[in-house]
Amino acid sequence: MDVGLTSVRVTVSNPLKPDFREDLELIVDTGAILPWIPRKVLERIGLKPESRKVFKTIEGKFIERLTSFARIKYGEHETVVEVVMAEEGDVPVLGVVALESMGYRVNPLTGQLEYIGLLAV
């Protein structure tokens, strides 16, 4: 059964200025660690780069991207997480850190997000 891509509508906001926010559609990618949010969106809500990181692409190339910290909200749950300031051509995705920090997982049968709560060790 091929369920295709899962995409969700989230609200991304500035953790220090909650009124600075924007809604956008992200592809859920459990293979991505961090969310990739268009840099233009992050700059519009007042976020500045915090660090620079190197990422390995699916083709095996290495690329550098700036990162910052944003609040991401989906449904009734939210988290503050490090985000990649995606450049033109980068795919906007919701990575596994944000997904799990909000208590969600992708249901393998439906391809939809389901709330399972936060897991303790």
PDB file of N, CA and C in Angstrom:
ATOM      1  N   MET A   1       0.830  -1.187   0.000  1.00  0.00           N
ATOM      2  CA  MET A   1       0.000   0.000   0.000  1.00  0.00           C
ATOM      3  C   MET A   1       0.870   1.245   0.000  1.00  0.00           C
ATOM      4  N   ASP A   2       0.717   2.094  -0.995  1.00  0.00           N
ATOM      5  CA  ASP A   2       1.512   3.312  -1.099  1.00  0.00           C
ATOM      6  C   ASP A   2       0.671   4.482  -0.608  1.00  0.00           C
ATOM      7  N   VAL A   3       1.096   5.084   0.510  1.00  0.00           N
ATOM      8  CA  VAL A   3       0.319   6.183   1.072  1.00  0.00           C
ATOM      9  C   VAL A   3       0.821   7.537   0.598  1.00  0.00           C
ATOM     10  N   GLY A   4       1.951   7.574  -0.124  1.00  0.00           N
ATOM     11  CA  GLY A   4       2.459   8.838  -0.637  1.00  0.00           C
ATOM     12  C   GLY A   4       3.074   9.698   0.451  1.00  0.00           C
ATOM     13  N   LEU A   5       3.198  10.975   0.127  1.00  0.00           N
ATOM     14  CA  LEU A   5       3.802  11.920   1.060  1.00  0.00           C
ATOM     15  C   LEU A   5       2.763  12.447   2.037  1.00  0.00           C
ATOM     16  N   THR A   6       3.209  12.653   3.261  1.00  0.00           N
ATOM     17  CA  THR A   6       2.359  13.262   4.272  1.00  0.00           C
ATOM     18  C   THR A   6       2.782  14.718   4.406  1.00  0.00           C
ATOM     19  N   SER A   7       1.837  15.623   4.263  1.00  0.00           N
ATOM     20  CA  SER A   7       2.152  17.026   4.502  1.00  0.00           C
ATOM     21  C   SER A   7       1.182  17.569   5.537  1.00  0.00           C
ATOM     22  N   VAL A   8       1.660  18.549   6.299  1.00  0.00           N
ATOM     23  CA  VAL A   8       0.863  19.130   7.375  1.00  0.00           C
ATOM     24  C   VAL A   8       0.994  20.646   7.343  1.00  0.00           C
ATOM     25  N   ARG A   9      -0.033  21.307   7.844  1.00  0.00           N
ATOM     26  CA  ARG A   9      -0.017  22.761   7.979  1.00  0.00           C
ATOM     27  C   ARG A   9       0.383  23.071   9.419  1.00  0.00           C
ATOM     28  N   VAL A  10       1.464  23.820   9.585  1.00  0.00           N
ATOM     29  CA  VAL A  10       1.972  24.172  10.910  1.00  0.00           C
ATOM     30  C   VAL A  10       2.038  25.691  11.040  1.00  0.00           C
ATOM     31  N   THR A  11       2.171  26.139  12.277  1.00  0.00           N
ATOM     32  CA  THR A  11       2.448  27.546  12.549  1.00  0.00           C
ATOM     33  C   THR A  11       3.864  27.626  13.079  1.00  0.00           C
ATOM     34  N   VAL A  12       4.664  28.468  12.449  1.00  0.00           N
ATOM     35  CA  VAL A  12       6.040  28.698  12.888  1.00  0.00           C
ATOM     36  C   VAL A  12       6.080  30.105  13.467  1.00  0.00           C
ATOM     37  N   SER A  13       6.637  30.232  14.682  1.00  0.00           N
ATOM     38  CA  SER A  13       6.693  31.553  15.300  1.00  0.00           C
ATOM     39  C   SER A  13       8.036  31.792  15.965  1.00  0.00           C
ATOM     40  N   ASN A  14       8.264  33.059  16.262  1.00  0.00           N
ATOM     41  CA  ASN A  14       9.466  33.490  16.953  1.00  0.00           C
ATOM     42  C   ASN A  14       9.251  33.202  18.442  1.00  0.00           C
ATOM     43  N   PRO A  15      10.120  32.392  19.070  1.00  0.00           N
ATOM     44  CA  PRO A  15       9.927  32.045  20.488  1.00  0.00           C
ATOM     45  C   PRO A  15       9.907  33.260  21.415  1.00  0.00           C
ATOM     46  N   LEU A  16      10.591  34.348  21.025  1.00  0.00           N
ATOM     47  CA  LEU A  16      10.650  35.541  21.871  1.00  0.00           C
ATOM     48  C   LEU A  16       9.569  36.557  21.538  1.00  0.00           C
ATOM     49  N   LYS A  17       8.951  36.409  20.367  1.00  0.00           N
ATOM     50  CA  LYS A  17       7.896  37.330  19.920  1.00  0.00           C
ATOM     51  C   LYS A  17       6.766  36.500  19.320  1.00  0.00           C
ATOM     52  N   PRO A  18       5.902  35.905  20.165  1.00  0.00           N
ATOM     53  CA  PRO A  18       4.874  34.972  19.688  1.00  0.00           C
ATOM     54  C   PRO A  18       3.934  35.536  18.616  1.00  0.00           C
ATOM     55  N   ASP A  19       3.773  36.872  18.566  1.00  0.00           N
ATOM     56  CA  ASP A  19       2.905  37.457  17.547  1.00  0.00           C
ATOM     57  C   ASP A  19       3.541  37.433  16.159  1.00  0.00           C
ATOM     58  N   PHE A  20       4.836  37.199  16.096  1.00  0.00           N
ATOM     59  CA  PHE A  20       5.543  37.090  14.820  1.00  0.00           C
ATOM     60  C   PHE A  20       5.471  35.628  14.397  1.00  0.00           C
ATOM     61  N   ARG A  21       4.486  35.298  13.559  1.00  0.00           N
ATOM     62  CA  ARG A  21       4.263  33.898  13.180  1.00  0.00           C
ATOM     63  C   ARG A  21       3.774  33.821  11.751  1.00  0.00           C
ATOM     64  N   GLU A  22       3.874  32.616  11.218  1.00  0.00           N
ATOM     65  CA  GLU A  22       3.411  32.374   9.859  1.00  0.00           C
ATOM     66  C   GLU A  22       2.983  30.914   9.730  1.00  0.00           C
ATOM     67  N   ASP A  23       1.892  30.686   9.012  1.00  0.00           N
ATOM     68  CA  ASP A  23       1.426  29.335   8.724  1.00  0.00           C
ATOM     69  C   ASP A  23       2.043  28.871   7.415  1.00  0.00           C
ATOM     70  N   LEU A  24       2.438  27.603   7.356  1.00  0.00           N
ATOM     71  CA  LEU A  24       2.969  27.051   6.119  1.00  0.00           C
ATOM     72  C   LEU A  24       2.795  25.550   6.076  1.00  0.00           C
ATOM     73  N   GLU A  25       2.886  25.004   4.892  1.00  0.00           N
ATOM     74  CA  GLU A  25       2.747  23.569   4.642  1.00  0.00           C
ATOM     75  C   GLU A  25       4.142  22.948   4.624  1.00  0.00           C
ATOM     76  N   LEU A  26       4.320  21.857   5.382  1.00  0.00           N
ATOM     77  CA  LEU A  26       5.589  21.132   5.418  1.00  0.00           C
ATOM     78  C   LEU A  26       5.344  19.669   5.094  1.00  0.00           C
ATOM     79  N   ILE A  27       6.302  19.053   4.416  1.00  0.00           N
ATOM     80  CA  ILE A  27       6.276  17.612   4.185  1.00  0.00           C
ATOM     81  C   ILE A  27       6.850  16.944   5.427  1.00  0.00           C
ATOM     82  N   VAL A  28       6.192  15.922   5.925  1.00  0.00           N
ATOM     83  CA  VAL A  28       6.695  15.179   7.082  1.00  0.00           C
ATOM     84  C   VAL A  28       7.769  14.222   6.578  1.00  0.00           C
ATOM     85  N   ASP A  29       8.976  14.361   7.124  1.00  0.00           N
ATOM     86  CA  ASP A  29      10.099  13.522   6.712  1.00  0.00           C
ATOM     87  C   ASP A  29      10.764  12.951   7.958  1.00  0.00           C
ATOM     88  N   THR A  30      10.462  11.687   8.267  1.00  0.00           N
ATOM     89  CA  THR A  30      11.038  11.058   9.463  1.00  0.00           C
ATOM     90  C   THR A  30      12.502  10.701   9.266  1.00  0.00           C
ATOM     91  N   GLY A  31      13.010  10.884   8.053  1.00  0.00           N
ATOM     92  CA  GLY A  31      14.434  10.686   7.805  1.00  0.00           C
ATOM     93  C   GLY A  31      15.237  11.956   8.039  1.00  0.00           C
ATOM     94  N   ALA A  32      14.557  13.080   8.171  1.00  0.00           N
ATOM     95  CA  ALA A  32      15.218  14.358   8.450  1.00  0.00           C
ATOM     96  C   ALA A  32      15.223  14.580   9.956  1.00  0.00           C
ATOM     97  N   ILE A  33      16.344  14.969  10.486  1.00  0.00           N
ATOM     98  CA  ILE A  33      16.441  15.219  11.923  1.00  0.00           C
ATOM     99  C   ILE A  33      15.750  16.536  12.270  1.00  0.00           C
ATOM    100  N   LEU A  34      16.161  17.623  11.617  1.00  0.00           N
ATOM    101  CA  LEU A  34      15.630  18.949  11.916  1.00  0.00           C
ATOM    102  C   LEU A  34      14.608  19.387  10.876  1.00  0.00           C
ATOM    103  N   PRO A  35      13.710  20.294  11.264  1.00  0.00           N
ATOM    104  CA  PRO A  35      12.814  20.890  10.273  1.00  0.00           C
ATOM    105  C   PRO A  35      13.606  21.823   9.345  1.00  0.00           C
ATOM    106  N   TRP A  36      13.200  21.857   8.077  1.00  0.00           N
ATOM    107  CA  TRP A  36      13.777  22.770   7.101  1.00  0.00           C
ATOM    108  C   TRP A  36      12.689  23.769   6.748  1.00  0.00           C
ATOM    109  N   ILE A  37      12.862  24.999   7.199  1.00  0.00           N
ATOM    110  CA  ILE A  37      11.876  26.065   7.001  1.00  0.00           C
ATOM    111  C   ILE A  37      12.515  27.105   6.077  1.00  0.00           C
ATOM    112  N   PRO A  38      11.785  27.580   5.060  1.00  0.00           N
ATOM    113  CA  PRO A  38      12.374  28.589   4.174  1.00  0.00           C
ATOM    114  C   PRO A  38      12.947  29.775   4.959  1.00  0.00           C
ATOM    115  N   ARG A  39      14.167  30.127   4.619  1.00  0.00           N
ATOM    116  CA  ARG A  39      14.858  31.219   5.305  1.00  0.00           C
ATOM    117  C   ARG A  39      14.037  32.509   5.270  1.00  0.00           C
ATOM    118  N   LYS A  40      13.375  32.770   4.127  1.00  0.00           N
ATOM    119  CA  LYS A  40      12.566  33.986   3.992  1.00  0.00           C
ATOM    120  C   LYS A  40      11.458  34.034   5.049  1.00  0.00           C
ATOM    121  N   VAL A  41      10.841  32.893   5.324  1.00  0.00           N
ATOM    122  CA  VAL A  41       9.789  32.823   6.341  1.00  0.00           C
ATOM    123  C   VAL A  41      10.367  33.132   7.713  1.00  0.00           C
ATOM    124  N   LEU A  42      11.496  32.511   8.029  1.00  0.00           N
ATOM    125  CA  LEU A  42      12.116  32.716   9.340  1.00  0.00           C
ATOM    126  C   LEU A  42      12.558  34.160   9.525  1.00  0.00           C
ATOM    127  N   GLU A  43      13.081  34.779   8.477  1.00  0.00           N
ATOM    128  CA  GLU A  43      13.487  36.183   8.571  1.00  0.00           C
ATOM    129  C   GLU A  43      12.273  37.095   8.743  1.00  0.00           C
ATOM    130  N   ARG A  44      11.152  36.755   8.087  1.00  0.00           N
ATOM    131  CA  ARG A  44       9.930  37.574   8.226  1.00  0.00           C
ATOM    132  C   ARG A  44       9.402  37.564   9.655  1.00  0.00           C
ATOM    133  N   ILE A  45       9.625  36.472  10.385  1.00  0.00           N
ATOM    134  CA  ILE A  45       9.155  36.425  11.775  1.00  0.00           C
ATOM    135  C   ILE A  45      10.251  36.852  12.759  1.00  0.00           C
ATOM    136  N   GLY A  46      11.314  37.438  12.215  1.00  0.00           N
ATOM    137  CA  GLY A  46      12.341  38.059  13.051  1.00  0.00           C
ATOM    138  C   GLY A  46      13.439  37.158  13.562  1.00  0.00           C
ATOM    139  N   LEU A  47      13.603  35.981  12.965  1.00  0.00           N
ATOM    140  CA  LEU A  47      14.667  35.078  13.435  1.00  0.00           C
ATOM    141  C   LEU A  47      15.969  35.346  12.706  1.00  0.00           C
ATOM    142  N   LYS A  48      17.046  35.249  13.452  1.00  0.00           N
ATOM    143  CA  LYS A  48      18.396  35.446  12.921  1.00  0.00           C
ATOM    144  C   LYS A  48      19.153  34.128  13.041  1.00  0.00           C
ATOM    145  N   PRO A  49      20.183  33.930  12.216  1.00  0.00           N
ATOM    146  CA  PRO A  49      20.995  32.714  12.316  1.00  0.00           C
ATOM    147  C   PRO A  49      21.672  32.605  13.675  1.00  0.00           C
ATOM    148  N   GLU A  50      21.695  31.385  14.204  1.00  0.00           N
ATOM    149  CA  GLU A  50      22.367  31.097  15.472  1.00  0.00           C
ATOM    150  C   GLU A  50      23.668  30.333  15.249  1.00  0.00           C
ATOM    151  N   SER A  51      23.667  29.460  14.223  1.00  0.00           N
ATOM    152  CA  SER A  51      24.874  28.681  13.927  1.00  0.00           C
ATOM    153  C   SER A  51      24.841  28.223  12.480  1.00  0.00           C
ATOM    154  N   ARG A  52      25.907  27.571  12.066  1.00  0.00           N
ATOM    155  CA  ARG A  52      26.036  27.017  10.721  1.00  0.00           C
ATOM    156  C   ARG A  52      26.362  25.540  10.880  1.00  0.00           C
ATOM    157  N   LYS A  53      25.659  24.702  10.114  1.00  0.00           N
ATOM    158  CA  LYS A  53      25.872  23.254  10.206  1.00  0.00           C
ATOM    159  C   LYS A  53      26.078  22.667   8.815  1.00  0.00           C
ATOM    160  N   VAL A  54      26.746  21.519   8.800  1.00  0.00           N
ATOM    161  CA  VAL A  54      26.968  20.788   7.550  1.00  0.00           C
ATOM    162  C   VAL A  54      26.023  19.594   7.525  1.00  0.00           C
ATOM    163  N   PHE A  55      25.357  19.394   6.378  1.00  0.00           N
ATOM    164  CA  PHE A  55      24.411  18.294   6.187  1.00  0.00           C
ATOM    165  C   PHE A  55      24.833  17.467   4.992  1.00  0.00           C
ATOM    166  N   LYS A  56      24.573  16.160   5.076  1.00  0.00           N
ATOM    167  CA  LYS A  56      24.837  15.264   3.957  1.00  0.00           C
ATOM    168  C   LYS A  56      23.528  15.044   3.214  1.00  0.00           C
ATOM    169  N   THR A  57      23.534  15.302   1.911  1.00  0.00           N
ATOM    170  CA  THR A  57      22.317  15.152   1.118  1.00  0.00           C
ATOM    171  C   THR A  57      22.114  13.685   0.746  1.00  0.00           C
ATOM    172  N   ILE A  58      20.933  13.400   0.217  1.00  0.00           N
ATOM    173  CA  ILE A  58      20.607  12.044  -0.211  1.00  0.00           C
ATOM    174  C   ILE A  58      21.543  11.567  -1.333  1.00  0.00           C
ATOM    175  N   GLU A  59      22.106  12.539  -2.078  1.00  0.00           N
ATOM    176  CA  GLU A  59      23.055  12.196  -3.152  1.00  0.00           C
ATOM    177  C   GLU A  59      24.477  12.014  -2.628  1.00  0.00           C
ATOM    178  N   GLY A  60      24.684  12.223  -1.325  1.00  0.00           N
ATOM    179  CA  GLY A  60      26.003  12.049  -0.729  1.00  0.00           C
ATOM    180  C   GLY A  60      26.851  13.315  -0.731  1.00  0.00           C
ATOM    181  N   LYS A  61      26.293  14.444  -1.169  1.00  0.00           N
ATOM    182  CA  LYS A  61      27.024  15.715  -1.156  1.00  0.00           C
ATOM    183  C   LYS A  61      26.898  16.357   0.219  1.00  0.00           C
ATOM    184  N   PHE A  62      27.831  17.228   0.530  1.00  0.00           N
ATOM    185  CA  PHE A  62      27.788  17.969   1.778  1.00  0.00           C
ATOM    186  C   PHE A  62      27.423  19.420   1.491  1.00  0.00           C
ATOM    187  N   ILE A  63      26.463  19.941   2.255  1.00  0.00           N
ATOM    188  CA  ILE A  63      26.048  21.334   2.095  1.00  0.00           C
ATOM    189  C   ILE A  63      26.023  22.001   3.460  1.00  0.00           C
ATOM    190  N   GLU A  64      26.233  23.309   3.475  1.00  0.00           N
ATOM    191  CA  GLU A  64      26.170  24.077   4.717  1.00  0.00           C
ATOM    192  C   GLU A  64      24.893  24.897   4.728  1.00  0.00           C
ATOM    193  N   ARG A  65      24.275  24.976   5.905  1.00  0.00           N
ATOM    194  CA  ARG A  65      23.085  25.798   6.076  1.00  0.00           C
ATOM    195  C   ARG A  65      23.135  26.467   7.447  1.00  0.00           C
ATOM    196  N   LEU A  66      22.535  27.645   7.522  1.00  0.00           N
ATOM    197  CA  LEU A  66      22.385  28.345   8.791  1.00  0.00           C
ATOM    198  C   LEU A  66      21.229  27.716   9.561  1.00  0.00           C
ATOM    199  N   THR A  67      21.285  27.790  10.891  1.00  0.00           N
ATOM    200  CA  THR A  67      20.184  27.296  11.718  1.00  0.00           C
ATOM    201  C   THR A  67      19.781  28.381  12.721  1.00  0.00           C
ATOM    202  N   SER A  68      18.572  28.249  13.223  1.00  0.00           N
ATOM    203  CA  SER A  68      18.044  29.146  14.244  1.00  0.00           C
ATOM    204  C   SER A  68      17.118  28.317  15.134  1.00  0.00           C
ATOM    205  N   PHE A  69      16.375  28.982  15.997  1.00  0.00           N
ATOM    206  CA  PHE A  69      15.418  28.287  16.858  1.00  0.00           C
ATOM    207  C   PHE A  69      14.043  28.905  16.662  1.00  0.00           C
ATOM    208  N   ALA A  70      13.039  28.058  16.459  1.00  0.00           N
ATOM    209  CA  ALA A  70      11.679  28.515  16.216  1.00  0.00           C
ATOM    210  C   ALA A  70      10.696  27.684  17.023  1.00  0.00           C
ATOM    211  N   ARG A  71       9.526  28.258  17.253  1.00  0.00           N
ATOM    212  CA  ARG A  71       8.422  27.521  17.864  1.00  0.00           C
ATOM    213  C   ARG A  71       7.583  26.969  16.718  1.00  0.00           C
ATOM    214  N   ILE A  72       7.292  25.677  16.772  1.00  0.00           N
ATOM    215  CA  ILE A  72       6.462  25.031  15.760  1.00  0.00           C
ATOM    216  C   ILE A  72       5.234  24.466  16.450  1.00  0.00           C
ATOM    217  N   LYS A  73       4.075  24.751  15.864  1.00  0.00           N
ATOM    218  CA  LYS A  73       2.816  24.265  16.429  1.00  0.00           C
ATOM    219  C   LYS A  73       2.057  23.492  15.366  1.00  0.00           C
ATOM    220  N   TYR A  74       1.583  22.305  15.758  1.00  0.00           N
ATOM    221  CA  TYR A  74       0.700  21.491  14.915  1.00  0.00           C
ATOM    222  C   TYR A  74      -0.447  21.027  15.794  1.00  0.00           C
ATOM    223  N   GLY A  75      -1.645  21.273  15.376  1.00  0.00           N
ATOM    224  CA  GLY A  75      -2.792  20.914  16.206  1.00  0.00           C
ATOM    225  C   GLY A  75      -2.735  21.678  17.514  1.00  0.00           C
ATOM    226  N   GLU A  76      -2.876  20.962  18.605  1.00  0.00           N
ATOM    227  CA  GLU A  76      -2.858  21.589  19.930  1.00  0.00           C
ATOM    228  C   GLU A  76      -1.479  21.551  20.579  1.00  0.00           C
ATOM    229  N   HIS A  77      -0.479  21.011  19.890  1.00  0.00           N
ATOM    230  CA  HIS A  77       0.823  20.787  20.509  1.00  0.00           C
ATOM    231  C   HIS A  77       1.892  21.611  19.818  1.00  0.00           C
ATOM    232  N   GLU A  78       2.896  22.025  20.610  1.00  0.00           N
ATOM    233  CA  GLU A  78       3.968  22.854  20.068  1.00  0.00           C
ATOM    234  C   GLU A  78       5.276  22.554  20.767  1.00  0.00           C
ATOM    235  N   THR A  79       6.355  23.007  20.126  1.00  0.00           N
ATOM    236  CA  THR A  79       7.690  22.821  20.676  1.00  0.00           C
ATOM    237  C   THR A  79       8.605  23.910  20.148  1.00  0.00           C
ATOM    238  N   VAL A  80       9.677  24.187  20.857  1.00  0.00           N
ATOM    239  CA  VAL A  80      10.735  25.056  20.350  1.00  0.00           C
ATOM    240  C   VAL A  80      11.872  24.138  19.944  1.00  0.00           C
ATOM    241  N   VAL A  81      12.330  24.313  18.711  1.00  0.00           N
ATOM    242  CA  VAL A  81      13.308  23.387  18.160  1.00  0.00           C
ATOM    243  C   VAL A  81      14.273  24.126  17.226  1.00  0.00           C
ATOM    244  N   GLU A  82      15.471  23.581  17.100  1.00  0.00           N
ATOM    245  CA  GLU A  82      16.413  24.115  16.120  1.00  0.00           C
ATOM    246  C   GLU A  82      15.875  23.828  14.726  1.00  0.00           C
ATOM    247  N   VAL A  83      15.948  24.827  13.853  1.00  0.00           N
ATOM    248  CA  VAL A  83      15.453  24.681  12.487  1.00  0.00           C
ATOM    249  C   VAL A  83      16.529  25.098  11.497  1.00  0.00           C
ATOM    250  N   VAL A  84      16.511  24.437  10.349  1.00  0.00           N
ATOM    251  CA  VAL A  84      17.426  24.795   9.264  1.00  0.00           C
ATOM    252  C   VAL A  84      16.793  25.938   8.483  1.00  0.00           C
ATOM    253  N   MET A  85      17.585  26.954   8.200  1.00  0.00           N
ATOM    254  CA  MET A  85      17.128  28.086   7.394  1.00  0.00           C
ATOM    255  C   MET A  85      17.300  27.692   5.921  1.00  0.00           C
ATOM    256  N   ALA A  86      16.268  27.057   5.381  1.00  0.00           N
ATOM    257  CA  ALA A  86      16.334  26.472   4.041  1.00  0.00           C
ATOM    258  C   ALA A  86      16.486  27.542   2.962  1.00  0.00           C
ATOM    259  N   GLU A  87      17.297  27.216   1.970  1.00  0.00           N
ATOM    260  CA  GLU A  87      17.546  28.109   0.839  1.00  0.00           C
ATOM    261  C   GLU A  87      16.642  27.729  -0.330  1.00  0.00           C
ATOM    262  N   GLU A  88      16.635  28.570  -1.359  1.00  0.00           N
ATOM    263  CA  GLU A  88      15.878  28.270  -2.584  1.00  0.00           C
ATOM    264  C   GLU A  88      16.256  26.878  -3.071  1.00  0.00           C
ATOM    265  N   GLY A  89      15.256  26.078  -3.406  1.00  0.00           N
ATOM    266  CA  GLY A  89      15.508  24.727  -3.901  1.00  0.00           C
ATOM    267  C   GLY A  89      15.483  23.658  -2.828  1.00  0.00           C
ATOM    268  N   ASP A  90      15.625  24.049  -1.562  1.00  0.00           N
ATOM    269  CA  ASP A  90      15.523  23.087  -0.461  1.00  0.00           C
ATOM    270  C   ASP A  90      14.046  22.767  -0.227  1.00  0.00           C
ATOM    271  N   VAL A  91      13.755  21.530   0.124  1.00  0.00           N
ATOM    272  CA  VAL A  91      12.378  21.117   0.381  1.00  0.00           C
ATOM    273  C   VAL A  91      12.015  21.442   1.831  1.00  0.00           C
ATOM    274  N   PRO A  92      10.910  22.172   2.060  1.00  0.00           N
ATOM    275  CA  PRO A  92      10.480  22.454   3.432  1.00  0.00           C
ATOM    276  C   PRO A  92       9.915  21.193   4.084  1.00  0.00           C
ATOM    277  N   VAL A  93      10.531  20.768   5.182  1.00  0.00           N
ATOM    278  CA  VAL A  93      10.101  19.530   5.834  1.00  0.00           C
ATOM    279  C   VAL A  93       9.976  19.713   7.348  1.00  0.00           C
ATOM    280  N   LEU A  94       9.148  18.863   7.931  1.00  0.00           N
ATOM    281  CA  LEU A  94       9.035  18.744   9.382  1.00  0.00           C
ATOM    282  C   LEU A  94       9.835  17.506   9.762  1.00  0.00           C
ATOM    283  N   GLY A  95      10.944  17.684  10.455  1.00  0.00           N
ATOM    284  CA  GLY A  95      11.804  16.568  10.815  1.00  0.00           C
ATOM    285  C   GLY A  95      11.351  15.851  12.076  1.00  0.00           C
ATOM    286  N   VAL A  96      12.050  14.765  12.375  1.00  0.00           N
ATOM    287  CA  VAL A  96      11.662  13.869  13.458  1.00  0.00           C
ATOM    288  C   VAL A  96      11.806  14.501  14.845  1.00  0.00           C
ATOM    289  N   VAL A  97      12.765  15.406  15.034  1.00  0.00           N
ATOM    290  CA  VAL A  97      12.938  16.025  16.351  1.00  0.00           C
ATOM    291  C   VAL A  97      11.688  16.827  16.726  1.00  0.00           C
ATOM    292  N   ALA A  98      11.202  17.663  15.814  1.00  0.00           N
ATOM    293  CA  ALA A  98       9.995  18.450  16.095  1.00  0.00           C
ATOM    294  C   ALA A  98       8.785  17.541  16.242  1.00  0.00           C
ATOM    295  N   LEU A  99       8.694  16.565  15.364  1.00  0.00           N
ATOM    296  CA  LEU A  99       7.560  15.636  15.382  1.00  0.00           C
ATOM    297  C   LEU A  99       7.452  14.942  16.741  1.00  0.00           C
ATOM    298  N   GLU A 100       8.540  14.353  17.192  1.00  0.00           N
ATOM    299  CA  GLU A 100       8.526  13.625  18.463  1.00  0.00           C
ATOM    300  C   GLU A 100       8.453  14.567  19.666  1.00  0.00           C
ATOM    301  N   SER A 101       9.026  15.767  19.541  1.00  0.00           N
ATOM    302  CA  SER A 101       8.961  16.731  20.647  1.00  0.00           C
ATOM    303  C   SER A 101       7.537  17.217  20.899  1.00  0.00           C
ATOM    304  N   MET A 102       6.677  17.115  19.878  1.00  0.00           N
ATOM    305  CA  MET A 102       5.269  17.471  20.042  1.00  0.00           C
ATOM    306  C   MET A 102       4.416  16.248  20.390  1.00  0.00           C
ATOM    307  N   GLY A 103       5.015  15.051  20.335  1.00  0.00           N
ATOM    308  CA  GLY A 103       4.291  13.836  20.693  1.00  0.00           C
ATOM    309  C   GLY A 103       3.574  13.158  19.540  1.00  0.00           C
ATOM    310  N   TYR A 104       4.009  13.419  18.306  1.00  0.00           N
ATOM    311  CA  TYR A 104       3.360  12.818  17.136  1.00  0.00           C
ATOM    312  C   TYR A 104       4.233  11.758  16.480  1.00  0.00           C
ATOM    313  N   ARG A 105       3.566  10.894  15.732  1.00  0.00           N
ATOM    314  CA  ARG A 105       4.256   9.945  14.866  1.00  0.00           C
ATOM    315  C   ARG A 105       3.416   9.798  13.599  1.00  0.00           C
ATOM    316  N   VAL A 106       4.036   9.251  12.559  1.00  0.00           N
ATOM    317  CA  VAL A 106       3.303   8.981  11.331  1.00  0.00           C
ATOM    318  C   VAL A 106       2.719   7.582  11.444  1.00  0.00           C
ATOM    319  N   ASN A 107       1.408   7.477  11.288  1.00  0.00           N
ATOM    320  CA  ASN A 107       0.757   6.173  11.296  1.00  0.00           C
ATOM    321  C   ASN A 107       1.154   5.471   9.997  1.00  0.00           C
ATOM    322  N   PRO A 108       1.793   4.296  10.079  1.00  0.00           N
ATOM    323  CA  PRO A 108       2.276   3.625   8.868  1.00  0.00           C
ATOM    324  C   PRO A 108       1.157   3.123   7.948  1.00  0.00           C
ATOM    325  N   LEU A 109      -0.044   2.965   8.466  1.00  0.00           N
ATOM    326  CA  LEU A 109      -1.161   2.495   7.636  1.00  0.00           C
ATOM    327  C   LEU A 109      -1.870   3.628   6.914  1.00  0.00           C
ATOM    328  N   THR A 110      -2.051   4.750   7.616  1.00  0.00           N
ATOM    329  CA  THR A 110      -2.805   5.859   7.018  1.00  0.00           C
ATOM    330  C   THR A 110      -1.914   6.946   6.436  1.00  0.00           C
ATOM    331  N   GLY A 111      -0.658   6.988   6.892  1.00  0.00           N
ATOM    332  CA  GLY A 111       0.236   8.050   6.452  1.00  0.00           C
ATOM    333  C   GLY A 111      -0.053   9.377   7.124  1.00  0.00           C
ATOM    334  N   GLN A 112      -0.964   9.406   8.087  1.00  0.00           N
ATOM    335  CA  GLN A 112      -1.338  10.634   8.789  1.00  0.00           C
ATOM    336  C   GLN A 112      -0.618  10.713  10.134  1.00  0.00           C
ATOM    337  N   LEU A 113      -0.501  11.947  10.640  1.00  0.00           N
ATOM    338  CA  LEU A 113       0.084  12.117  11.965  1.00  0.00           C
ATOM    339  C   LEU A 113      -0.936  11.718  13.016  1.00  0.00           C
ATOM    340  N   GLU A 114      -0.443  11.065  14.061  1.00  0.00           N
ATOM    341  CA  GLU A 114      -1.307  10.755  15.193  1.00  0.00           C
ATOM    342  C   GLU A 114      -0.570  11.111  16.467  1.00  0.00           C
ATOM    343  N   TYR A 115      -1.307  11.654  17.394  1.00  0.00           N
ATOM    344  CA  TYR A 115      -0.735  12.051  18.676  1.00  0.00           C
ATOM    345  C   TYR A 115      -0.603  10.821  19.554  1.00  0.00           C
ATOM    346  N   ILE A 116       0.617  10.558  20.030  1.00  0.00           N
ATOM    347  CA  ILE A 116       0.855   9.426  20.929  1.00  0.00           C
ATOM    348  C   ILE A 116       1.387   9.879  22.278  1.00  0.00           C
ATOM    349  N   GLY A 117       1.595  11.194  22.437  1.00  0.00           N
ATOM    350  CA  GLY A 117       2.124  11.735  23.683  1.00  0.00           C
ATOM    351  C   GLY A 117       3.635  11.669  23.716  1.00  0.00           C
ATOM    352  N   LEU A 118       4.186  12.235  24.746  1.00  0.00           N
ATOM    353  CA  LEU A 118       5.635  12.233  24.921  1.00  0.00           C
ATOM    354  C   LEU A 118       6.068  10.964  25.600  1.00  0.00           C
ATOM    355  N   LEU A 119       7.130  10.375  25.105  1.00  0.00           N
ATOM    356  CA  LEU A 119       7.611   9.106  25.644  1.00  0.00           C
ATOM    357  C   LEU A 119       8.730   9.331  26.637  1.00  0.00           C
ATOM    358  N   ALA A 120       8.676   8.630  27.758  1.00  0.00           N
ATOM    359  CA  ALA A 120       9.728   8.685  28.766  1.00  0.00           C
ATOM    360  C   ALA A 120      10.582   7.437  28.648  1.00  0.00           C
ATOM    361  N   VAL A 121      11.832   7.533  29.074  1.00  0.00           N
ATOM    362  CA  VAL A 121      12.713   6.377  29.056  1.00  0.00           C
ATOM    363  C   VAL A 121      12.679   5.641  30.354  1.00  0.00           C
TER     364      VAL A 121
END
